[in-house]
N, C-alpha and C. Protein backbone atom coordinates (compact mmCIF):
# COMPACT_ATOMS: atom_id res chain seq x y z
N MET A 1 0.64 -1.09 -0.08
CA MET A 1 0.10 0.06 -0.16
C MET A 1 0.91 1.17 0.09
N LEU A 2 0.69 2.20 -0.82
CA LEU A 2 1.23 3.60 -0.86
C LEU A 2 0.84 4.30 -0.03
N ASN A 3 1.79 5.25 0.78
CA ASN A 3 1.27 6.35 1.41
C ASN A 3 1.32 7.51 0.67
N SER A 4 0.75 8.53 1.22
CA SER A 4 0.57 9.81 0.63
C SER A 4 1.84 10.36 -0.17
N SER A 5 3.26 10.36 0.65
CA SER A 5 4.42 10.86 0.01
C SER A 5 4.77 10.03 -1.16
N GLU A 6 4.58 8.78 -1.10
CA GLU A 6 4.86 7.97 -2.17
C GLU A 6 3.77 8.10 -3.45
N ARG A 7 2.73 8.30 -3.14
CA ARG A 7 1.87 8.76 -4.11
C ARG A 7 2.13 9.95 -4.79
N ALA A 8 2.28 10.85 -4.15
CA ALA A 8 2.71 12.42 -4.64
C ALA A 8 3.86 12.36 -5.57
N LYS A 9 4.89 11.40 -4.87
CA LYS A 9 5.89 11.36 -5.88
C LYS A 9 5.74 10.68 -7.14
N LEU A 10 5.01 9.78 -7.38
CA LEU A 10 4.55 8.87 -8.26
C LEU A 10 3.46 9.69 -9.44
N ARG A 11 2.88 10.60 -8.60
CA ARG A 11 1.97 11.54 -9.67
C ARG A 11 2.86 12.53 -10.23
N SER A 12 3.89 13.06 -9.56
CA SER A 12 4.70 14.02 -10.19
C SER A 12 5.73 13.32 -11.06
N LEU A 13 6.06 12.01 -11.00
CA LEU A 13 6.68 11.21 -12.22
C LEU A 13 6.03 10.97 -13.33
N ALA A 14 4.59 10.72 -13.06
CA ALA A 14 3.69 10.44 -14.23
C ALA A 14 3.28 11.64 -15.06
N GLN A 15 3.42 12.73 -14.72
CA GLN A 15 3.27 14.00 -15.50
C GLN A 15 4.02 13.89 -16.82
N ASN A 16 4.89 13.32 -16.68
CA ASN A 16 6.10 13.41 -17.92
C ASN A 16 5.97 12.13 -18.78
N ILE A 17 5.09 11.32 -18.60
CA ILE A 17 4.74 9.95 -19.45
C ILE A 17 3.59 10.04 -20.29
N ASN A 18 3.57 9.48 -21.25
CA ASN A 18 2.61 9.43 -22.32
C ASN A 18 1.99 7.94 -22.05
N PRO A 19 0.40 7.99 -22.04
CA PRO A 19 -0.29 6.65 -22.03
C PRO A 19 -0.06 5.60 -23.11
N ILE A 20 0.23 4.59 -22.55
CA ILE A 20 0.68 3.53 -23.32
C ILE A 20 -0.34 2.46 -23.93
N PHE A 21 -1.52 2.57 -23.05
CA PHE A 21 -2.68 1.61 -23.32
C PHE A 21 -3.95 2.54 -23.32
N GLN A 22 -4.94 2.22 -24.07
CA GLN A 22 -6.20 2.68 -24.13
C GLN A 22 -7.20 1.66 -23.85
N ILE A 23 -8.07 1.98 -23.10
CA ILE A 23 -9.44 1.33 -22.70
C ILE A 23 -10.64 1.80 -23.25
N GLY A 24 -11.36 1.06 -24.01
CA GLY A 24 -12.53 1.62 -24.56
C GLY A 24 -14.00 0.89 -24.13
N LYS A 25 -14.77 0.98 -25.02
CA LYS A 25 -16.06 0.37 -24.48
C LYS A 25 -16.32 -0.74 -24.08
N ASN A 26 -15.39 -1.87 -24.62
CA ASN A 26 -15.19 -3.35 -24.34
C ASN A 26 -14.54 -3.66 -23.02
N GLY A 27 -14.08 -2.57 -22.24
CA GLY A 27 -13.76 -2.60 -20.94
C GLY A 27 -12.38 -3.22 -20.99
N VAL A 28 -11.95 -3.90 -19.85
CA VAL A 28 -10.46 -4.44 -19.53
C VAL A 28 -10.39 -5.85 -20.17
N GLY A 29 -9.82 -6.14 -21.20
CA GLY A 29 -9.88 -7.46 -21.67
C GLY A 29 -8.58 -8.13 -20.91
N GLU A 30 -8.88 -9.69 -21.02
CA GLU A 30 -7.57 -10.45 -20.61
C GLU A 30 -6.39 -10.19 -21.44
N ASN A 31 -6.28 -9.93 -22.73
CA ASN A 31 -5.11 -9.57 -23.47
C ASN A 31 -4.50 -8.32 -23.14
N GLN A 32 -5.27 -7.43 -22.61
CA GLN A 32 -4.80 -6.28 -22.04
C GLN A 32 -4.19 -6.26 -20.70
N VAL A 33 -4.62 -6.97 -20.01
CA VAL A 33 -4.27 -7.20 -18.38
C VAL A 33 -2.80 -7.75 -18.60
N ASN A 34 -2.74 -8.90 -19.55
CA ASN A 34 -1.42 -9.52 -19.82
C ASN A 34 -0.47 -8.37 -20.33
N ASP A 35 -0.65 -7.54 -21.07
CA ASP A 35 0.10 -6.39 -21.81
C ASP A 35 0.31 -5.53 -20.62
N ILE A 36 -0.67 -5.09 -19.74
CA ILE A 36 -0.36 -4.17 -18.85
C ILE A 36 0.71 -4.83 -17.79
N LEU A 37 0.53 -5.97 -17.52
CA LEU A 37 1.48 -6.80 -16.60
C LEU A 37 2.80 -6.73 -16.96
N ASP A 38 3.10 -7.10 -18.40
CA ASP A 38 4.23 -6.99 -19.10
C ASP A 38 4.95 -5.73 -18.84
N ALA A 39 4.19 -4.67 -18.96
CA ALA A 39 4.56 -3.26 -19.26
C ALA A 39 5.13 -2.70 -17.67
N LEU A 40 4.10 -3.19 -16.86
CA LEU A 40 4.55 -2.85 -15.25
C LEU A 40 5.77 -3.76 -14.91
N SER A 41 6.24 -4.93 -15.31
CA SER A 41 7.52 -5.30 -15.16
C SER A 41 8.60 -4.70 -15.66
N VAL A 42 8.63 -3.89 -16.61
CA VAL A 42 9.54 -2.97 -17.11
C VAL A 42 9.70 -1.74 -16.69
N HIS A 43 8.55 -0.98 -16.68
CA HIS A 43 8.33 0.53 -16.34
C HIS A 43 7.83 0.70 -14.83
N GLU A 44 7.20 -0.35 -14.42
CA GLU A 44 6.70 0.03 -12.89
C GLU A 44 5.65 1.07 -12.89
N LEU A 45 5.68 2.21 -13.36
CA LEU A 45 4.78 3.14 -13.39
C LEU A 45 4.31 3.39 -14.76
N ILE A 46 2.84 3.10 -15.10
CA ILE A 46 2.37 3.38 -16.53
C ILE A 46 1.06 4.52 -16.31
N LYS A 47 0.84 4.89 -17.55
CA LYS A 47 -0.35 5.79 -17.64
C LYS A 47 -1.35 5.04 -18.62
N ILE A 48 -2.46 5.10 -18.38
CA ILE A 48 -3.44 4.49 -19.38
C ILE A 48 -4.50 5.38 -19.56
N SER A 49 -5.01 5.60 -21.13
CA SER A 49 -6.04 6.51 -21.30
C SER A 49 -7.44 5.66 -21.41
N VAL A 50 -8.45 6.37 -20.75
CA VAL A 50 -9.77 5.57 -20.81
C VAL A 50 -10.35 6.39 -22.02
N LEU A 51 -10.83 5.75 -23.17
CA LEU A 51 -11.69 6.31 -24.09
C LEU A 51 -13.15 7.11 -23.73
N ARG A 52 -13.57 8.08 -24.49
CA ARG A 52 -15.13 8.42 -24.08
C ARG A 52 -15.88 7.47 -24.28
N SER A 53 -15.66 6.51 -25.12
CA SER A 53 -16.51 5.47 -25.45
C SER A 53 -16.73 4.50 -24.47
N ALA A 54 -15.98 4.38 -23.29
CA ALA A 54 -15.91 3.36 -22.29
C ALA A 54 -17.00 3.70 -21.55
N GLU A 55 -17.88 2.58 -21.28
CA GLU A 55 -19.27 2.67 -20.60
C GLU A 55 -19.00 2.75 -19.09
N THR A 56 -17.75 2.37 -18.63
CA THR A 56 -17.55 2.41 -17.22
C THR A 56 -16.74 3.72 -16.72
N PRO A 57 -16.99 4.32 -15.66
CA PRO A 57 -16.55 5.42 -15.16
C PRO A 57 -15.03 5.14 -14.99
N THR A 58 -13.96 6.19 -14.98
CA THR A 58 -12.48 5.77 -14.98
C THR A 58 -12.11 5.40 -13.64
N LYS A 59 -12.79 6.02 -12.44
CA LYS A 59 -12.32 5.54 -11.40
C LYS A 59 -12.57 3.88 -11.05
N LEU A 60 -13.54 3.31 -11.69
CA LEU A 60 -14.10 1.89 -11.52
C LEU A 60 -13.34 1.23 -12.56
N ILE A 61 -12.68 1.75 -13.73
CA ILE A 61 -11.79 1.18 -14.59
C ILE A 61 -10.29 1.08 -13.89
N LEU A 62 -10.07 2.02 -13.04
CA LEU A 62 -8.72 2.13 -12.39
C LEU A 62 -8.91 0.93 -11.22
N ASP A 63 -10.05 0.77 -10.53
CA ASP A 63 -10.21 -0.08 -9.60
C ASP A 63 -10.23 -1.72 -10.10
N GLU A 64 -10.72 -1.77 -11.08
CA GLU A 64 -10.75 -3.11 -11.92
C GLU A 64 -9.11 -3.47 -12.54
N VAL A 65 -8.52 -2.68 -12.96
CA VAL A 65 -7.10 -2.86 -13.68
C VAL A 65 -6.21 -3.10 -12.45
N CYS A 66 -6.21 -2.28 -11.23
CA CYS A 66 -5.28 -2.71 -10.19
C CYS A 66 -5.74 -4.17 -9.60
N GLU A 67 -7.09 -4.37 -9.46
CA GLU A 67 -7.37 -5.46 -8.90
C GLU A 67 -6.99 -6.76 -9.88
N ARG A 68 -7.05 -6.80 -11.27
CA ARG A 68 -6.80 -7.76 -11.89
C ARG A 68 -5.17 -7.87 -12.12
N THR A 69 -4.42 -6.90 -11.92
CA THR A 69 -2.95 -6.85 -12.01
C THR A 69 -2.11 -6.92 -10.74
N GLY A 70 -2.81 -6.79 -9.60
CA GLY A 70 -2.11 -6.42 -8.50
C GLY A 70 -1.29 -5.05 -8.42
N ALA A 71 -1.64 -4.22 -8.95
CA ALA A 71 -0.84 -2.92 -8.90
C ALA A 71 -1.58 -2.06 -8.05
N GLU A 72 -0.99 -0.90 -7.56
CA GLU A 72 -1.47 0.10 -6.92
C GLU A 72 -2.10 1.26 -7.69
N PRO A 73 -3.06 1.68 -7.25
CA PRO A 73 -3.65 3.18 -7.83
C PRO A 73 -2.94 4.09 -7.51
N VAL A 74 -2.46 4.95 -8.27
CA VAL A 74 -1.82 6.18 -8.07
C VAL A 74 -2.89 7.49 -8.12
N THR A 75 -3.25 7.64 -9.39
CA THR A 75 -4.37 8.39 -9.40
C THR A 75 -5.38 8.18 -10.70
N ALA A 76 -6.43 8.99 -10.80
CA ALA A 76 -7.43 8.99 -11.88
C ALA A 76 -7.82 10.49 -12.02
N ILE A 77 -7.43 11.00 -13.19
CA ILE A 77 -7.59 12.39 -13.47
C ILE A 77 -8.15 12.42 -14.78
N GLY A 78 -9.42 12.87 -14.91
CA GLY A 78 -9.86 13.10 -16.21
C GLY A 78 -10.18 11.72 -16.71
N ASN A 79 -9.61 11.59 -18.03
CA ASN A 79 -9.83 10.12 -18.78
C ASN A 79 -8.44 9.32 -18.56
N LYS A 80 -7.59 9.90 -17.57
CA LYS A 80 -6.32 9.02 -17.69
C LYS A 80 -6.10 8.53 -16.04
N ILE A 81 -5.58 7.21 -16.14
CA ILE A 81 -5.40 6.56 -14.80
C ILE A 81 -3.97 6.48 -14.77
N VAL A 82 -3.29 6.26 -13.56
CA VAL A 82 -1.82 5.87 -13.41
C VAL A 82 -1.76 4.67 -12.32
N ILE A 83 -1.08 3.68 -12.91
CA ILE A 83 -1.01 2.68 -11.71
C ILE A 83 0.67 2.35 -11.54
N TYR A 84 0.97 1.67 -10.53
CA TYR A 84 2.36 1.28 -10.14
C TYR A 84 2.26 -0.02 -9.41
N LYS A 85 3.36 -0.69 -9.88
CA LYS A 85 3.63 -1.83 -9.39
C LYS A 85 5.08 -2.32 -9.46
N ARG A 86 5.69 -2.51 -8.30
CA ARG A 86 7.08 -2.68 -8.09
C ARG A 86 7.48 -3.79 -8.76
N SER A 87 8.45 -3.79 -9.57
CA SER A 87 8.90 -4.96 -10.59
C SER A 87 9.77 -5.95 -9.69
N GLU A 88 9.49 -7.24 -10.19
CA GLU A 88 10.14 -8.30 -9.42
C GLU A 88 11.39 -8.76 -10.41
N LYS A 89 11.44 -8.16 -11.44
CA LYS A 89 12.28 -8.61 -12.62
C LYS A 89 13.86 -7.86 -12.13
N ASP A 90 14.95 -8.65 -12.61
CA ASP A 90 16.17 -8.45 -12.10
C ASP A 90 16.66 -7.37 -13.26
N GLY A 91 17.39 -6.34 -12.83
CA GLY A 91 18.01 -5.38 -13.60
C GLY A 91 17.09 -4.02 -13.81
N VAL A 92 16.06 -4.11 -13.32
CA VAL A 92 14.93 -3.08 -13.41
C VAL A 92 15.25 -1.96 -12.27
N GLU A 93 15.67 -0.81 -12.53
CA GLU A 93 15.71 0.25 -11.57
C GLU A 93 14.56 0.71 -10.95
N HIS A 94 14.45 0.76 -9.73
CA HIS A 94 13.22 0.72 -8.95
C HIS A 94 12.95 2.47 -8.72
N ILE A 95 11.76 3.03 -8.68
CA ILE A 95 11.53 4.24 -8.94
C ILE A 95 11.23 4.58 -7.60
N LEU A 96 10.72 3.57 -6.62
CA LEU A 96 10.47 3.99 -4.98
C LEU A 96 11.12 3.14 -4.23
């Protein structure tokens, strides 16, 4: 579980990254979950764009993605969500 200072640090780091996934009207699919897990193992912190066509509110998508990937929610602002998961992979420089 992230504390408020860690979450604030991650939010500031996330300002400089671009979304690498999009979630649309079909929600979060199994293939997307696997791709997100792969990205988290390399980057630890990722931003995801929620398209306007998504039928589920952004905050609920954030909760679902975190539940299915084991990641920590960082923030949900507008149509962007940011998640963090410490990588277990060797050679990855940890951001926290």
